[in-house]
């Protein structure tokens, strides 16, 4: 096995995007926006309903859009690249303590 290159594991882009989406869907900001508008569409005023046969779902829309590629690249750059040191919780906490 000499001379064989060790393959680095790479988290798939779809998995990162899915995790970021889950964070937003569970965010307090999204919940507050839905509550603020009374779970009602701001354009057509349709109210969210789960009644069978009359389901209406409202969603939170980002007015300025989402740069998914930029977010994913930032996650890869800041969290998933570079060497990782394995530490116990106590040592990890000490690593982040203020001097």
PDB file of N, CA and C in Angstrom:
ATOM      1  N   UNK A   1       0.809  -1.178   0.000  1.00  0.00           N
ATOM      2  CA  UNK A   1       0.000   0.000   0.000  1.00  0.00           C
ATOM      3  C   UNK A   1       0.863   1.258   0.000  1.00  0.00           C
ATOM      4  N   UNK A   2       2.132   1.090  -0.119  1.00  0.00           N
ATOM      5  CA  UNK A   2       3.048   2.229  -0.145  1.00  0.00           C
ATOM      6  C   UNK A   2       2.785   3.071  -1.382  1.00  0.00           C
ATOM      7  N   UNK A   3       2.799   4.381  -1.207  1.00  0.00           N
ATOM      8  CA  UNK A   3       2.597   5.285  -2.328  1.00  0.00           C
ATOM      9  C   UNK A   3       1.135   5.592  -2.608  1.00  0.00           C
ATOM     10  N   UNK A   4       0.230   4.882  -1.916  1.00  0.00           N
ATOM     11  CA  UNK A   4      -1.201   5.172  -2.113  1.00  0.00           C
ATOM     12  C   UNK A   4      -1.575   6.444  -1.377  1.00  0.00           C
ATOM     13  N   UNK A   5      -2.350   7.243  -2.044  1.00  0.00           N
ATOM     14  CA  UNK A   5      -2.804   8.500  -1.442  1.00  0.00           C
ATOM     15  C   UNK A   5      -4.053   8.238  -0.607  1.00  0.00           C
ATOM     16  N   UNK A   6      -4.071   8.784   0.609  1.00  0.00           N
ATOM     17  CA  UNK A   6      -5.233   8.639   1.473  1.00  0.00           C
ATOM     18  C   UNK A   6      -6.277   9.655   1.032  1.00  0.00           C
ATOM     19  N   UNK A   7      -7.485   9.157   0.771  1.00  0.00           N
ATOM     20  CA  UNK A   7      -8.566  10.021   0.326  1.00  0.00           C
ATOM     21  C   UNK A   7      -9.188  10.724   1.519  1.00  0.00           C
ATOM     22  N   UNK A   8      -9.294  12.053   1.431  1.00  0.00           N
ATOM     23  CA  UNK A   8      -9.938  12.824   2.487  1.00  0.00           C
ATOM     24  C   UNK A   8     -11.444  12.711   2.327  1.00  0.00           C
ATOM     25  N   UNK A   9     -12.156  12.490   3.440  1.00  0.00           N
ATOM     26  CA  UNK A   9     -13.614  12.463   3.337  1.00  0.00           C
ATOM     27  C   UNK A   9     -14.139  13.881   3.070  1.00  0.00           C
ATOM     28  N   UNK A  10     -15.148  13.973   2.241  1.00  0.00           N
ATOM     29  CA  UNK A  10     -15.737  15.269   1.908  1.00  0.00           C
ATOM     30  C   UNK A  10     -17.241  15.181   2.140  1.00  0.00           C
ATOM     31  N   UNK A  11     -17.759  16.083   2.970  1.00  0.00           N
ATOM     32  CA  UNK A  11     -19.194  16.139   3.220  1.00  0.00           C
ATOM     33  C   UNK A  11     -19.880  16.642   1.951  1.00  0.00           C
ATOM     34  N   UNK A  12     -20.887  15.914   1.465  1.00  0.00           N
ATOM     35  CA  UNK A  12     -21.565  16.336   0.235  1.00  0.00           C
ATOM     36  C   UNK A  12     -22.249  17.697   0.391  1.00  0.00           C
ATOM     37  N   UNK A  13     -22.231  18.471  -0.663  1.00  0.00           N
ATOM     38  CA  UNK A  13     -22.871  19.790  -0.691  1.00  0.00           C
ATOM     39  C   UNK A  13     -24.339  19.679  -0.300  1.00  0.00           C
ATOM     40  N   UNK A  14     -25.026  18.648  -0.771  1.00  0.00           N
ATOM     41  CA  UNK A  14     -26.452  18.481  -0.468  1.00  0.00           C
ATOM     42  C   UNK A  14     -26.681  18.312   1.034  1.00  0.00           C
ATOM     43  N   UNK A  15     -25.763  17.657   1.720  1.00  0.00           N
ATOM     44  CA  UNK A  15     -25.895  17.456   3.165  1.00  0.00           C
ATOM     45  C   UNK A  15     -25.706  18.775   3.915  1.00  0.00           C
ATOM     46  N   UNK A  16     -24.763  19.597   3.463  1.00  0.00           N
ATOM     47  CA  UNK A  16     -24.533  20.901   4.093  1.00  0.00           C
ATOM     48  C   UNK A  16     -25.751  21.799   3.877  1.00  0.00           C
ATOM     49  N   UNK A  17     -26.246  21.828   2.643  1.00  0.00           N
ATOM     50  CA  UNK A  17     -27.409  22.665   2.327  1.00  0.00           C
ATOM     51  C   UNK A  17     -28.622  22.235   3.143  1.00  0.00           C
ATOM     52  N   UNK A  18     -28.824  20.940   3.271  1.00  0.00           N
ATOM     53  CA  UNK A  18     -29.944  20.405   4.036  1.00  0.00           C
ATOM     54  C   UNK A  18     -29.840  20.806   5.512  1.00  0.00           C
ATOM     55  N   UNK A  19     -28.643  20.751   6.072  1.00  0.00           N
ATOM     56  CA  UNK A  19     -28.439  21.135   7.475  1.00  0.00           C
ATOM     57  C   UNK A  19     -28.711  22.630   7.668  1.00  0.00           C
ATOM     58  N   UNK A  20     -28.248  23.460   6.736  1.00  0.00           N
ATOM     59  CA  UNK A  20     -28.489  24.903   6.828  1.00  0.00           C
ATOM     60  C   UNK A  20     -29.989  25.201   6.729  1.00  0.00           C
ATOM     61  N   UNK A  21     -30.670  24.502   5.852  1.00  0.00           N
ATOM     62  CA  UNK A  21     -32.114  24.693   5.691  1.00  0.00           C
ATOM     63  C   UNK A  21     -32.855  24.311   6.972  1.00  0.00           C
ATOM     64  N   UNK A  22     -32.441  23.186   7.599  1.00  0.00           N
ATOM     65  CA  UNK A  22     -33.073  22.761   8.857  1.00  0.00           C
ATOM     66  C   UNK A  22     -32.881  23.815   9.947  1.00  0.00           C
ATOM     67  N   UNK A  23     -31.701  24.426   9.999  1.00  0.00           N
ATOM     68  CA  UNK A  23     -31.445  25.479  10.986  1.00  0.00           C
ATOM     69  C   UNK A  23     -32.428  26.618  10.780  1.00  0.00           C
ATOM     70  N   UNK A  24     -32.620  27.039   9.521  1.00  0.00           N
ATOM     71  CA  UNK A  24     -33.563  28.133   9.245  1.00  0.00           C
ATOM     72  C   UNK A  24     -34.994  27.731   9.585  1.00  0.00           C
ATOM     73  N   UNK A  25     -35.404  26.531   9.183  1.00  0.00           N
ATOM     74  CA  UNK A  25     -36.782  26.107   9.421  1.00  0.00           C
ATOM     75  C   UNK A  25     -37.119  26.043  10.903  1.00  0.00           C
ATOM     76  N   UNK A  26     -36.110  25.849  11.744  1.00  0.00           N
ATOM     77  CA  UNK A  26     -36.327  25.776  13.198  1.00  0.00           C
ATOM     78  C   UNK A  26     -35.962  27.080  13.903  1.00  0.00           C
ATOM     79  N   UNK A  27     -35.639  28.111  13.142  1.00  0.00           N
ATOM     80  CA  UNK A  27     -35.146  29.357  13.746  1.00  0.00           C
ATOM     81  C   UNK A  27     -36.250  30.161  14.421  1.00  0.00           C
ATOM     82  N   UNK A  28     -35.847  30.884  15.437  1.00  0.00           N
ATOM     83  CA  UNK A  28     -36.771  31.775  16.142  1.00  0.00           C
ATOM     84  C   UNK A  28     -37.195  32.923  15.242  1.00  0.00           C
ATOM     85  N   UNK A  29     -36.305  33.360  14.364  1.00  0.00           N
ATOM     86  CA  UNK A  29     -36.606  34.464  13.453  1.00  0.00           C
ATOM     87  C   UNK A  29     -37.734  34.084  12.493  1.00  0.00           C
ATOM     88  N   UNK A  30     -37.676  32.873  11.952  1.00  0.00           N
ATOM     89  CA  UNK A  30     -38.721  32.405  11.042  1.00  0.00           C
ATOM     90  C   UNK A  30     -40.043  32.273  11.790  1.00  0.00           C
ATOM     91  N   UNK A  31     -39.992  31.673  12.977  1.00  0.00           N
ATOM     92  CA  UNK A  31     -41.207  31.493  13.778  1.00  0.00           C
ATOM     93  C   UNK A  31     -41.832  32.849  14.120  1.00  0.00           C
ATOM     94  N   UNK A  32     -40.991  33.817  14.463  1.00  0.00           N
ATOM     95  CA  UNK A  32     -41.494  35.148  14.810  1.00  0.00           C
ATOM     96  C   UNK A  32     -42.150  35.820  13.604  1.00  0.00           C
ATOM     97  N   UNK A  33     -41.563  35.663  12.421  1.00  0.00           N
ATOM     98  CA  UNK A  33     -42.128  36.263  11.208  1.00  0.00           C
ATOM     99  C   UNK A  33     -43.487  35.639  10.878  1.00  0.00           C
ATOM    100  N   UNK A  34     -43.580  34.318  10.985  1.00  0.00           N
ATOM    101  CA  UNK A  34     -44.860  33.645  10.726  1.00  0.00           C
ATOM    102  C   UNK A  34     -45.919  34.100  11.724  1.00  0.00           C
ATOM    103  N   UNK A  35     -45.540  34.178  12.988  1.00  0.00           N
ATOM    104  CA  UNK A  35     -46.479  34.605  14.034  1.00  0.00           C
ATOM    105  C   UNK A  35     -46.896  36.057  13.833  1.00  0.00           C
ATOM    106  N   UNK A  36     -45.913  36.913  13.487  1.00  0.00           N
ATOM    107  CA  UNK A  36     -46.192  38.344  13.266  1.00  0.00           C
ATOM    108  C   UNK A  36     -47.268  38.537  12.200  1.00  0.00           C
ATOM    109  N   UNK A  37     -47.212  37.726  11.165  1.00  0.00           N
ATOM    110  CA  UNK A  37     -48.177  37.858  10.049  1.00  0.00           C
ATOM    111  C   UNK A  37     -49.408  36.984  10.245  1.00  0.00           C
ATOM    112  N   UNK A  38     -49.511  36.340  11.403  1.00  0.00           N
ATOM    113  CA  UNK A  38     -50.693  35.525  11.681  1.00  0.00           C
ATOM    114  C   UNK A  38     -50.817  34.327  10.755  1.00  0.00           C
ATOM    115  N   UNK A  39     -49.684  33.801  10.326  1.00  0.00           N
ATOM    116  CA  UNK A  39     -49.652  32.650   9.406  1.00  0.00           C
ATOM    117  C   UNK A  39     -50.508  32.918   8.173  1.00  0.00           C
ATOM    118  N   UNK A  40     -50.397  34.166   7.675  1.00  0.00           N
ATOM    119  CA  UNK A  40     -51.190  34.611   6.529  1.00  0.00           C
ATOM    120  C   UNK A  40     -50.265  35.137   5.442  1.00  0.00           C
ATOM    121  N   UNK A  41     -50.554  34.785   4.178  1.00  0.00           N
ATOM    122  CA  UNK A  41     -49.764  35.257   3.038  1.00  0.00           C
ATOM    123  C   UNK A  41     -49.884  36.777   2.940  1.00  0.00           C
ATOM    124  N   UNK A  42     -48.763  37.450   2.832  1.00  0.00           N
ATOM    125  CA  UNK A  42     -48.775  38.919   2.757  1.00  0.00           C
ATOM    126  C   UNK A  42     -49.255  39.425   1.401  1.00  0.00           C
ATOM    127  N   UNK A  43     -49.275  38.590   0.380  1.00  0.00           N
ATOM    128  CA  UNK A  43     -49.739  39.025  -0.952  1.00  0.00           C
ATOM    129  C   UNK A  43     -51.225  38.781  -1.154  1.00  0.00           C
ATOM    130  N   UNK A  44     -51.653  37.514  -1.001  1.00  0.00           N
ATOM    131  CA  UNK A  44     -53.053  37.190  -1.312  1.00  0.00           C
ATOM    132  C   UNK A  44     -53.914  37.038  -0.058  1.00  0.00           C
ATOM    133  N   UNK A  45     -53.304  37.128   1.115  1.00  0.00           N
ATOM    134  CA  UNK A  45     -53.981  37.057   2.409  1.00  0.00           C
ATOM    135  C   UNK A  45     -54.590  35.687   2.709  1.00  0.00           C
ATOM    136  N   UNK A  46     -54.095  34.647   2.028  1.00  0.00           N
ATOM    137  CA  UNK A  46     -54.545  33.286   2.344  1.00  0.00           C
ATOM    138  C   UNK A  46     -53.985  32.900   3.709  1.00  0.00           C
ATOM    139  N   UNK A  47     -54.834  32.321   4.532  1.00  0.00           N
ATOM    140  CA  UNK A  47     -54.438  31.910   5.876  1.00  0.00           C
ATOM    141  C   UNK A  47     -54.013  30.446   5.827  1.00  0.00           C
ATOM    142  N   UNK A  48     -52.943  30.144   6.582  1.00  0.00           N
ATOM    143  CA  UNK A  48     -52.477  28.762   6.624  1.00  0.00           C
ATOM    144  C   UNK A  48     -53.581  27.866   7.165  1.00  0.00           C
ATOM    145  N   UNK A  49     -53.758  26.696   6.533  1.00  0.00           N
ATOM    146  CA  UNK A  49     -54.795  25.761   6.948  1.00  0.00           C
ATOM    147  C   UNK A  49     -54.302  24.342   6.759  1.00  0.00           C
ATOM    148  N   UNK A  50     -54.636  23.492   7.705  1.00  0.00           N
ATOM    149  CA  UNK A  50     -54.303  22.068   7.612  1.00  0.00           C
ATOM    150  C   UNK A  50     -55.578  21.232   7.385  1.00  0.00           C
ATOM    151  N   UNK A  51     -56.698  21.914   7.158  1.00  0.00           N
ATOM    152  CA  UNK A  51     -57.978  21.216   6.960  1.00  0.00           C
ATOM    153  C   UNK A  51     -57.892  20.321   5.724  1.00  0.00           C
ATOM    154  N   UNK A  52     -58.293  19.074   5.889  1.00  0.00           N
ATOM    155  CA  UNK A  52     -58.212  18.101   4.812  1.00  0.00           C
ATOM    156  C   UNK A  52     -58.962  18.587   3.575  1.00  0.00           C
ATOM    157  N   UNK A  53     -58.255  18.571   2.458  1.00  0.00           N
ATOM    158  CA  UNK A  53     -58.829  19.015   1.197  1.00  0.00           C
ATOM    159  C   UNK A  53     -58.702  20.514   0.970  1.00  0.00           C
ATOM    160  N   UNK A  54     -58.336  21.260   2.009  1.00  0.00           N
ATOM    161  CA  UNK A  54     -58.202  22.718   1.900  1.00  0.00           C
ATOM    162  C   UNK A  54     -56.865  23.188   2.476  1.00  0.00           C
ATOM    163  N   UNK A  55     -55.835  22.359   2.313  1.00  0.00           N
ATOM    164  CA  UNK A  55     -54.535  22.690   2.878  1.00  0.00           C
ATOM    165  C   UNK A  55     -53.935  23.921   2.205  1.00  0.00           C
ATOM    166  N   UNK A  56     -53.459  24.830   3.017  1.00  0.00           N
ATOM    167  CA  UNK A  56     -52.722  26.006   2.548  1.00  0.00           C
ATOM    168  C   UNK A  56     -51.497  26.117   3.438  1.00  0.00           C
ATOM    169  N   UNK A  57     -50.342  26.202   2.839  1.00  0.00           N
ATOM    170  CA  UNK A  57     -49.103  26.333   3.594  1.00  0.00           C
ATOM    171  C   UNK A  57     -48.467  27.686   3.292  1.00  0.00           C
ATOM    172  N   UNK A  58     -48.060  28.391   4.320  1.00  0.00           N
ATOM    173  CA  UNK A  58     -47.334  29.638   4.117  1.00  0.00           C
ATOM    174  C   UNK A  58     -45.862  29.371   4.410  1.00  0.00           C
ATOM    175  N   UNK A  59     -45.002  30.081   3.716  1.00  0.00           N
ATOM    176  CA  UNK A  59     -43.565  29.902   3.848  1.00  0.00           C
ATOM    177  C   UNK A  59     -42.905  31.258   4.036  1.00  0.00           C
ATOM    178  N   UNK A  60     -41.750  31.254   4.680  1.00  0.00           N
ATOM    179  CA  UNK A  60     -40.975  32.484   4.850  1.00  0.00           C
ATOM    180  C   UNK A  60     -40.063  32.639   3.634  1.00  0.00           C
ATOM    181  N   UNK A  61     -40.147  33.792   2.989  1.00  0.00           N
ATOM    182  CA  UNK A  61     -39.346  34.080   1.797  1.00  0.00           C
ATOM    183  C   UNK A  61     -38.276  35.107   2.150  1.00  0.00           C
ATOM    184  N   UNK A  62     -37.027  34.849   1.747  1.00  0.00           N
ATOM    185  CA  UNK A  62     -35.937  35.803   1.974  1.00  0.00           C
ATOM    186  C   UNK A  62     -35.978  36.861   0.882  1.00  0.00           C
ATOM    187  N   UNK A  63     -36.303  38.103   1.247  1.00  0.00           N
ATOM    188  CA  UNK A  63     -36.411  39.179   0.262  1.00  0.00           C
ATOM    189  C   UNK A  63     -35.104  39.424  -0.481  1.00  0.00           C
ATOM    190  N   UNK A  64     -33.982  39.236   0.201  1.00  0.00           N
ATOM    191  CA  UNK A  64     -32.687  39.496  -0.445  1.00  0.00           C
ATOM    192  C   UNK A  64     -32.071  38.230  -1.027  1.00  0.00           C
ATOM    193  N   UNK A  65     -32.797  37.119  -0.983  1.00  0.00           N
ATOM    194  CA  UNK A  65     -32.288  35.871  -1.544  1.00  0.00           C
ATOM    195  C   UNK A  65     -31.259  35.217  -0.633  1.00  0.00           C
ATOM    196  N   UNK A  66     -30.886  34.005  -0.997  1.00  0.00           N
ATOM    197  CA  UNK A  66     -29.885  33.260  -0.234  1.00  0.00           C
ATOM    198  C   UNK A  66     -28.787  32.840  -1.190  1.00  0.00           C
ATOM    199  N   UNK A  67     -27.570  33.168  -0.842  1.00  0.00           N
ATOM    200  CA  UNK A  67     -26.412  32.747  -1.629  1.00  0.00           C
ATOM    201  C   UNK A  67     -25.966  31.386  -1.103  1.00  0.00           C
ATOM    202  N   UNK A  68     -26.663  30.317  -1.558  1.00  0.00           N
ATOM    203  CA  UNK A  68     -26.362  28.976  -1.070  1.00  0.00           C
ATOM    204  C   UNK A  68     -24.906  28.611  -1.320  1.00  0.00           C
ATOM    205  N   UNK A  69     -24.404  28.899  -2.505  1.00  0.00           N
ATOM    206  CA  UNK A  69     -23.011  28.544  -2.817  1.00  0.00           C
ATOM    207  C   UNK A  69     -22.044  29.246  -1.875  1.00  0.00           C
ATOM    208  N   UNK A  70     -22.308  30.521  -1.579  1.00  0.00           N
ATOM    209  CA  UNK A  70     -21.454  31.276  -0.668  1.00  0.00           C
ATOM    210  C   UNK A  70     -21.511  30.731   0.754  1.00  0.00           C
ATOM    211  N   UNK A  71     -22.724  30.393   1.215  1.00  0.00           N
ATOM    212  CA  UNK A  71     -22.880  29.830   2.556  1.00  0.00           C
ATOM    213  C   UNK A  71     -22.172  28.484   2.665  1.00  0.00           C
ATOM    214  N   UNK A  72     -22.369  27.650   1.675  1.00  0.00           N
ATOM    215  CA  UNK A  72     -21.740  26.317   1.690  1.00  0.00           C
ATOM    216  C   UNK A  72     -20.227  26.447   1.652  1.00  0.00           C
ATOM    217  N   UNK A  73     -19.715  27.363   0.847  1.00  0.00           N
ATOM    218  CA  UNK A  73     -18.271  27.580   0.776  1.00  0.00           C
ATOM    219  C   UNK A  73     -17.737  28.074   2.122  1.00  0.00           C
ATOM    220  N   UNK A  74     -18.486  28.958   2.783  1.00  0.00           N
ATOM    221  CA  UNK A  74     -18.079  29.458   4.096  1.00  0.00           C
ATOM    222  C   UNK A  74     -18.030  28.323   5.125  1.00  0.00           C
ATOM    223  N   UNK A  75     -19.040  27.457   5.108  1.00  0.00           N
ATOM    224  CA  UNK A  75     -19.053  26.304   6.022  1.00  0.00           C
ATOM    225  C   UNK A  75     -17.849  25.414   5.742  1.00  0.00           C
ATOM    226  N   UNK A  76     -17.600  25.119   4.472  1.00  0.00           N
ATOM    227  CA  UNK A  76     -16.438  24.272   4.124  1.00  0.00           C
ATOM    228  C   UNK A  76     -15.135  24.926   4.583  1.00  0.00           C
ATOM    229  N   UNK A  77     -15.004  26.229   4.333  1.00  0.00           N
ATOM    230  CA  UNK A  77     -13.768  26.954   4.643  1.00  0.00           C
ATOM    231  C   UNK A  77     -13.523  27.068   6.139  1.00  0.00           C
ATOM    232  N   UNK A  78     -14.567  27.414   6.901  1.00  0.00           N
ATOM    233  CA  UNK A  78     -14.387  27.708   8.323  1.00  0.00           C
ATOM    234  C   UNK A  78     -14.571  26.506   9.244  1.00  0.00           C
ATOM    235  N   UNK A  79     -15.362  25.514   8.812  1.00  0.00           N
ATOM    236  CA  UNK A  79     -15.668  24.409   9.721  1.00  0.00           C
ATOM    237  C   UNK A  79     -15.151  23.050   9.260  1.00  0.00           C
ATOM    238  N   UNK A  80     -15.021  22.851   7.970  1.00  0.00           N
ATOM    239  CA  UNK A  80     -14.735  21.508   7.489  1.00  0.00           C
ATOM    240  C   UNK A  80     -13.353  21.338   6.869  1.00  0.00           C
ATOM    241  N   UNK A  81     -12.567  22.401   6.805  1.00  0.00           N
ATOM    242  CA  UNK A  81     -11.246  22.255   6.198  1.00  0.00           C
ATOM    243  C   UNK A  81     -10.177  22.459   7.260  1.00  0.00           C
ATOM    244  N   UNK A  82      -8.981  22.129   6.924  1.00  0.00           N
ATOM    245  CA  UNK A  82      -7.875  22.303   7.856  1.00  0.00           C
ATOM    246  C   UNK A  82      -7.769  21.133   8.812  1.00  0.00           C
ATOM    247  N   UNK A  83      -6.689  21.108   9.535  1.00  0.00           N
ATOM    248  CA  UNK A  83      -6.487  19.999  10.471  1.00  0.00           C
ATOM    249  C   UNK A  83      -7.422  20.105  11.669  1.00  0.00           C
ATOM    250  N   UNK A  84      -7.877  18.978  12.141  1.00  0.00           N
ATOM    251  CA  UNK A  84      -8.736  18.925  13.317  1.00  0.00           C
ATOM    252  C   UNK A  84      -7.974  18.226  14.438  1.00  0.00           C
ATOM    253  N   UNK A  85      -8.051  18.780  15.627  1.00  0.00           N
ATOM    254  CA  UNK A  85      -7.424  18.181  16.792  1.00  0.00           C
ATOM    255  C   UNK A  85      -8.529  17.570  17.638  1.00  0.00           C
ATOM    256  N   UNK A  86      -8.344  16.334  18.038  1.00  0.00           N
ATOM    257  CA  UNK A  86      -9.338  15.649  18.848  1.00  0.00           C
ATOM    258  C   UNK A  86      -9.005  15.886  20.324  1.00  0.00           C
ATOM    259  N   UNK A  87      -9.954  16.495  21.053  1.00  0.00           N
ATOM    260  CA  UNK A  87      -9.760  16.846  22.456  1.00  0.00           C
ATOM    261  C   UNK A  87     -10.938  16.350  23.281  1.00  0.00           C
ATOM    262  N   UNK A  88     -10.672  16.069  24.548  1.00  0.00           N
ATOM    263  CA  UNK A  88     -11.782  15.776  25.457  1.00  0.00           C
ATOM    264  C   UNK A  88     -12.509  17.094  25.720  1.00  0.00           C
ATOM    265  N   UNK A  89     -13.711  17.030  26.272  1.00  0.00           N
ATOM    266  CA  UNK A  89     -14.503  18.232  26.510  1.00  0.00           C
ATOM    267  C   UNK A  89     -13.763  19.228  27.390  1.00  0.00           C
ATOM    268  N   UNK A  90     -13.103  18.742  28.441  1.00  0.00           N
ATOM    269  CA  UNK A  90     -12.397  19.634  29.365  1.00  0.00           C
ATOM    270  C   UNK A  90     -11.275  20.400  28.649  1.00  0.00           C
ATOM    271  N   UNK A  91     -10.487  19.695  27.861  1.00  0.00           N
ATOM    272  CA  UNK A  91      -9.399  20.352  27.119  1.00  0.00           C
ATOM    273  C   UNK A  91      -9.950  21.292  26.054  1.00  0.00           C
ATOM    274  N   UNK A  92     -11.057  20.906  25.417  1.00  0.00           N
ATOM    275  CA  UNK A  92     -11.660  21.746  24.383  1.00  0.00           C
ATOM    276  C   UNK A  92     -12.181  23.035  25.012  1.00  0.00           C
ATOM    277  N   UNK A  93     -12.850  22.927  26.159  1.00  0.00           N
ATOM    278  CA  UNK A  93     -13.342  24.112  26.861  1.00  0.00           C
ATOM    279  C   UNK A  93     -12.173  25.025  27.228  1.00  0.00           C
ATOM    280  N   UNK A  94     -11.078  24.438  27.709  1.00  0.00           N
ATOM    281  CA  UNK A  94      -9.894  25.217  28.087  1.00  0.00           C
ATOM    282  C   UNK A  94      -9.307  25.931  26.874  1.00  0.00           C
ATOM    283  N   UNK A  95      -9.390  25.318  25.718  1.00  0.00           N
ATOM    284  CA  UNK A  95      -8.862  25.907  24.476  1.00  0.00           C
ATOM    285  C   UNK A  95      -9.601  27.206  24.137  1.00  0.00           C
ATOM    286  N   UNK A  96     -10.860  27.306  24.520  1.00  0.00           N
ATOM    287  CA  UNK A  96     -11.692  28.464  24.180  1.00  0.00           C
ATOM    288  C   UNK A  96     -11.832  29.475  25.307  1.00  0.00           C
ATOM    289  N   UNK A  97     -11.208  29.217  26.443  1.00  0.00           N
ATOM    290  CA  UNK A  97     -11.278  30.148  27.578  1.00  0.00           C
ATOM    291  C   UNK A  97     -10.548  31.436  27.243  1.00  0.00           C
ATOM    292  N   UNK A  98     -11.080  32.516  27.791  1.00  0.00           N
ATOM    293  CA  UNK A  98     -10.435  33.826  27.643  1.00  0.00           C
ATOM    294  C   UNK A  98      -9.164  33.835  28.481  1.00  0.00           C
ATOM    295  N   UNK A  99      -8.058  34.405  27.966  1.00  0.00           N
ATOM    296  CA  UNK A  99      -6.812  34.437  28.753  1.00  0.00           C
ATOM    297  C   UNK A  99      -6.902  35.387  29.936  1.00  0.00           C
TER     298      UNK A  99
END
